[in-house]
Amino acid sequence: MSPHQTGTISSRTRPPLCAITLIDRRTGRLHRANGAALVARSRDPHGAAAELLAGRESRLWDAHVQPLTAPARRA
């Protein structure tokens, strides 16, 4: 039985978790909603960025993808 069939996936086979933010190209600043920076977390950064940019003018908005690294495990 494969790991996908049992419902468990090894962390070695999963894509890294990424933070995706919207950047206003006019100011270079993060997009904020109610004062907080809008940040999406996803293992599919390209899909998440496409969703965040959907319906926005591409000349005004950009998506920034940053991989999130897990803290080192202590032995």
N, C-alpha and C. Protein backbone atom coordinates (compact mmCIF):
# COMPACT_ATOMS: atom_id res chain seq x y z
N MET A 1 0.85 -1.18 0.00
CA MET A 1 0.00 0.00 0.00
C MET A 1 0.89 1.24 0.00
N SER A 2 0.59 2.20 -0.84
CA SER A 2 1.42 3.40 -0.94
C SER A 2 1.08 4.35 0.20
N PRO A 3 2.00 5.31 0.52
CA PRO A 3 1.71 6.30 1.57
C PRO A 3 0.47 7.12 1.26
N HIS A 4 0.18 7.34 -0.02
CA HIS A 4 -1.00 8.12 -0.38
C HIS A 4 -2.29 7.37 -0.04
N GLN A 5 -2.26 6.05 -0.13
CA GLN A 5 -3.44 5.25 0.16
C GLN A 5 -3.70 5.17 1.65
N THR A 6 -2.69 5.23 2.48
CA THR A 6 -2.87 5.14 3.92
C THR A 6 -3.19 6.49 4.54
N GLY A 7 -3.05 7.56 3.77
CA GLY A 7 -3.34 8.88 4.30
C GLY A 7 -2.15 9.56 4.94
N THR A 8 -0.99 8.90 4.95
CA THR A 8 0.21 9.52 5.49
C THR A 8 1.18 9.79 4.36
N ILE A 9 1.80 10.94 4.42
CA ILE A 9 2.79 11.32 3.41
C ILE A 9 4.04 11.72 4.15
N SER A 10 5.14 11.16 3.76
CA SER A 10 6.42 11.50 4.39
C SER A 10 6.74 12.96 4.16
N SER A 11 7.31 13.60 5.18
CA SER A 11 7.69 15.01 5.03
C SER A 11 8.77 15.18 3.97
N ARG A 12 9.47 14.10 3.65
CA ARG A 12 10.50 14.17 2.61
C ARG A 12 9.89 14.30 1.22
N THR A 13 8.65 13.87 1.04
CA THR A 13 8.03 13.91 -0.28
C THR A 13 7.11 15.11 -0.46
N ARG A 14 6.80 15.81 0.64
CA ARG A 14 5.91 16.98 0.54
C ARG A 14 6.69 18.20 0.10
N PRO A 15 6.08 19.05 -0.72
CA PRO A 15 6.75 20.30 -1.07
C PRO A 15 6.85 21.18 0.18
N PRO A 16 7.82 22.08 0.20
CA PRO A 16 7.97 22.94 1.38
C PRO A 16 6.80 23.91 1.52
N LEU A 17 6.50 24.27 2.75
CA LEU A 17 5.48 25.26 3.03
C LEU A 17 6.04 26.64 2.66
N CYS A 18 5.24 27.46 2.00
CA CYS A 18 5.68 28.78 1.58
C CYS A 18 4.70 29.84 2.07
N ALA A 19 5.22 31.05 2.26
CA ALA A 19 4.38 32.21 2.56
C ALA A 19 4.28 33.02 1.28
N ILE A 20 3.05 33.39 0.93
CA ILE A 20 2.81 34.17 -0.28
C ILE A 20 2.18 35.49 0.12
N THR A 21 2.78 36.59 -0.32
CA THR A 21 2.28 37.92 0.01
C THR A 21 2.04 38.70 -1.27
N LEU A 22 1.10 39.64 -1.20
CA LEU A 22 0.84 40.54 -2.32
C LEU A 22 1.66 41.81 -2.12
N ILE A 23 2.29 42.27 -3.18
CA ILE A 23 3.09 43.49 -3.14
C ILE A 23 2.46 44.51 -4.09
N ASP A 24 2.25 45.72 -3.59
CA ASP A 24 1.75 46.81 -4.42
C ASP A 24 2.95 47.35 -5.20
N ARG A 25 2.94 47.20 -6.50
CA ARG A 25 4.08 47.63 -7.32
C ARG A 25 4.31 49.14 -7.28
N ARG A 26 3.28 49.90 -6.98
CA ARG A 26 3.42 51.36 -6.93
C ARG A 26 4.23 51.82 -5.73
N THR A 27 4.05 51.10 -4.60
CA THR A 27 4.73 51.51 -3.36
C THR A 27 5.80 50.54 -2.91
N GLY A 28 5.73 49.29 -3.40
CA GLY A 28 6.66 48.26 -2.95
C GLY A 28 6.30 47.69 -1.59
N ARG A 29 5.12 48.04 -1.09
CA ARG A 29 4.70 47.59 0.24
C ARG A 29 3.75 46.41 0.15
N LEU A 30 3.68 45.68 1.26
CA LEU A 30 2.75 44.56 1.37
C LEU A 30 1.32 45.05 1.37
N HIS A 31 0.43 44.26 0.80
CA HIS A 31 -0.99 44.55 0.85
C HIS A 31 -1.48 44.24 2.26
N ARG A 32 -2.27 45.13 2.82
CA ARG A 32 -2.80 44.95 4.18
C ARG A 32 -4.32 44.92 4.16
N ALA A 33 -4.87 44.11 5.04
CA ALA A 33 -6.32 44.04 5.24
C ALA A 33 -6.57 44.30 6.71
N ASN A 34 -7.29 45.36 7.01
CA ASN A 34 -7.56 45.78 8.39
C ASN A 34 -6.27 45.97 9.18
N GLY A 35 -5.24 46.48 8.53
CA GLY A 35 -3.98 46.79 9.19
C GLY A 35 -2.98 45.65 9.25
N ALA A 36 -3.41 44.43 8.97
CA ALA A 36 -2.51 43.27 9.02
C ALA A 36 -2.09 42.88 7.61
N ALA A 37 -0.82 42.51 7.46
CA ALA A 37 -0.33 42.07 6.16
C ALA A 37 -1.07 40.81 5.73
N LEU A 38 -1.49 40.78 4.47
CA LEU A 38 -2.17 39.61 3.92
C LEU A 38 -1.12 38.59 3.53
N VAL A 39 -1.10 37.45 4.21
CA VAL A 39 -0.13 36.39 3.96
C VAL A 39 -0.88 35.07 3.83
N ALA A 40 -0.65 34.37 2.74
CA ALA A 40 -1.21 33.03 2.55
C ALA A 40 -0.08 32.03 2.71
N ARG A 41 -0.40 30.90 3.28
CA ARG A 41 0.59 29.83 3.42
C ARG A 41 0.11 28.65 2.60
N SER A 42 1.02 28.06 1.83
CA SER A 42 0.61 26.99 0.93
C SER A 42 1.81 26.12 0.56
N ARG A 43 1.51 24.87 0.23
CA ARG A 43 2.52 23.97 -0.34
C ARG A 43 2.47 24.03 -1.86
N ASP A 44 1.54 24.80 -2.39
CA ASP A 44 1.42 25.04 -3.84
C ASP A 44 1.51 26.56 -4.05
N PRO A 45 2.73 27.12 -3.96
CA PRO A 45 2.85 28.57 -4.00
C PRO A 45 2.38 29.20 -5.31
N HIS A 46 2.56 28.53 -6.42
CA HIS A 46 2.15 29.11 -7.70
C HIS A 46 0.63 29.17 -7.79
N GLY A 47 -0.03 28.14 -7.32
CA GLY A 47 -1.49 28.14 -7.31
C GLY A 47 -2.05 29.19 -6.35
N ALA A 48 -1.43 29.29 -5.17
CA ALA A 48 -1.87 30.28 -4.18
C ALA A 48 -1.64 31.70 -4.70
N ALA A 49 -0.50 31.93 -5.33
CA ALA A 49 -0.22 33.26 -5.89
C ALA A 49 -1.23 33.60 -6.98
N ALA A 50 -1.57 32.63 -7.81
CA ALA A 50 -2.56 32.87 -8.87
C ALA A 50 -3.91 33.24 -8.27
N GLU A 51 -4.29 32.57 -7.18
CA GLU A 51 -5.56 32.89 -6.53
C GLU A 51 -5.53 34.29 -5.93
N LEU A 52 -4.43 34.67 -5.30
CA LEU A 52 -4.32 36.00 -4.71
C LEU A 52 -4.34 37.09 -5.78
N LEU A 53 -3.79 36.80 -6.94
CA LEU A 53 -3.72 37.79 -8.02
C LEU A 53 -4.97 37.81 -8.90
N ALA A 54 -5.84 36.82 -8.75
CA ALA A 54 -7.05 36.73 -9.58
C ALA A 54 -7.90 37.99 -9.40
N GLY A 55 -8.26 38.60 -10.50
CA GLY A 55 -9.10 39.78 -10.48
C GLY A 55 -8.35 41.08 -10.20
N ARG A 56 -7.04 41.01 -10.05
CA ARG A 56 -6.23 42.21 -9.79
C ARG A 56 -5.44 42.55 -11.05
N GLU A 57 -5.17 43.82 -11.24
CA GLU A 57 -4.38 44.25 -12.40
C GLU A 57 -2.92 43.85 -12.18
N SER A 58 -2.37 43.08 -13.12
CA SER A 58 -1.00 42.59 -12.98
C SER A 58 0.04 43.70 -13.02
N ARG A 59 -0.32 44.84 -13.60
CA ARG A 59 0.65 45.94 -13.61
C ARG A 59 0.73 46.64 -12.25
N LEU A 60 -0.27 46.39 -11.38
CA LEU A 60 -0.30 47.02 -10.07
C LEU A 60 0.11 46.09 -8.92
N TRP A 61 -0.02 44.78 -9.14
CA TRP A 61 0.21 43.83 -8.07
C TRP A 61 1.21 42.75 -8.47
N ASP A 62 1.96 42.29 -7.49
CA ASP A 62 2.90 41.20 -7.68
C ASP A 62 2.77 40.28 -6.47
N ALA A 63 3.09 39.03 -6.64
CA ALA A 63 3.08 38.08 -5.53
C ALA A 63 4.52 37.71 -5.20
N HIS A 64 4.84 37.67 -3.91
CA HIS A 64 6.16 37.30 -3.45
C HIS A 64 6.04 35.97 -2.72
N VAL A 65 6.86 34.99 -3.11
CA VAL A 65 6.83 33.66 -2.51
C VAL A 65 8.12 33.47 -1.71
N GLN A 66 7.95 33.07 -0.45
CA GLN A 66 9.11 32.83 0.41
C GLN A 66 8.95 31.46 1.07
N PRO A 67 9.87 30.53 0.82
CA PRO A 67 9.79 29.23 1.49
C PRO A 67 9.98 29.42 3.00
N LEU A 68 9.18 28.68 3.75
CA LEU A 68 9.31 28.71 5.21
C LEU A 68 10.09 27.47 5.62
N THR A 69 11.16 27.67 6.32
CA THR A 69 11.97 26.54 6.75
C THR A 69 11.55 26.13 8.15
N ALA A 70 11.52 24.85 8.38
CA ALA A 70 11.16 24.33 9.70
C ALA A 70 12.36 24.51 10.63
N PRO A 71 12.10 24.78 11.90
CA PRO A 71 13.21 24.89 12.84
C PRO A 71 13.92 23.55 12.98
N ALA A 72 15.20 23.59 13.22
CA ALA A 72 15.98 22.36 13.36
C ALA A 72 15.48 21.56 14.57
N ARG A 73 15.37 20.26 14.39
CA ARG A 73 14.92 19.39 15.48
C ARG A 73 16.08 19.12 16.42
N ARG A 74 15.77 19.10 17.68
CA ARG A 74 16.79 18.77 18.68
C ARG A 74 16.78 17.29 18.95
N ALA A 75 17.95 16.75 19.10
CA ALA A 75 18.05 15.30 19.33
C ALA A 75 17.83 14.96 20.79
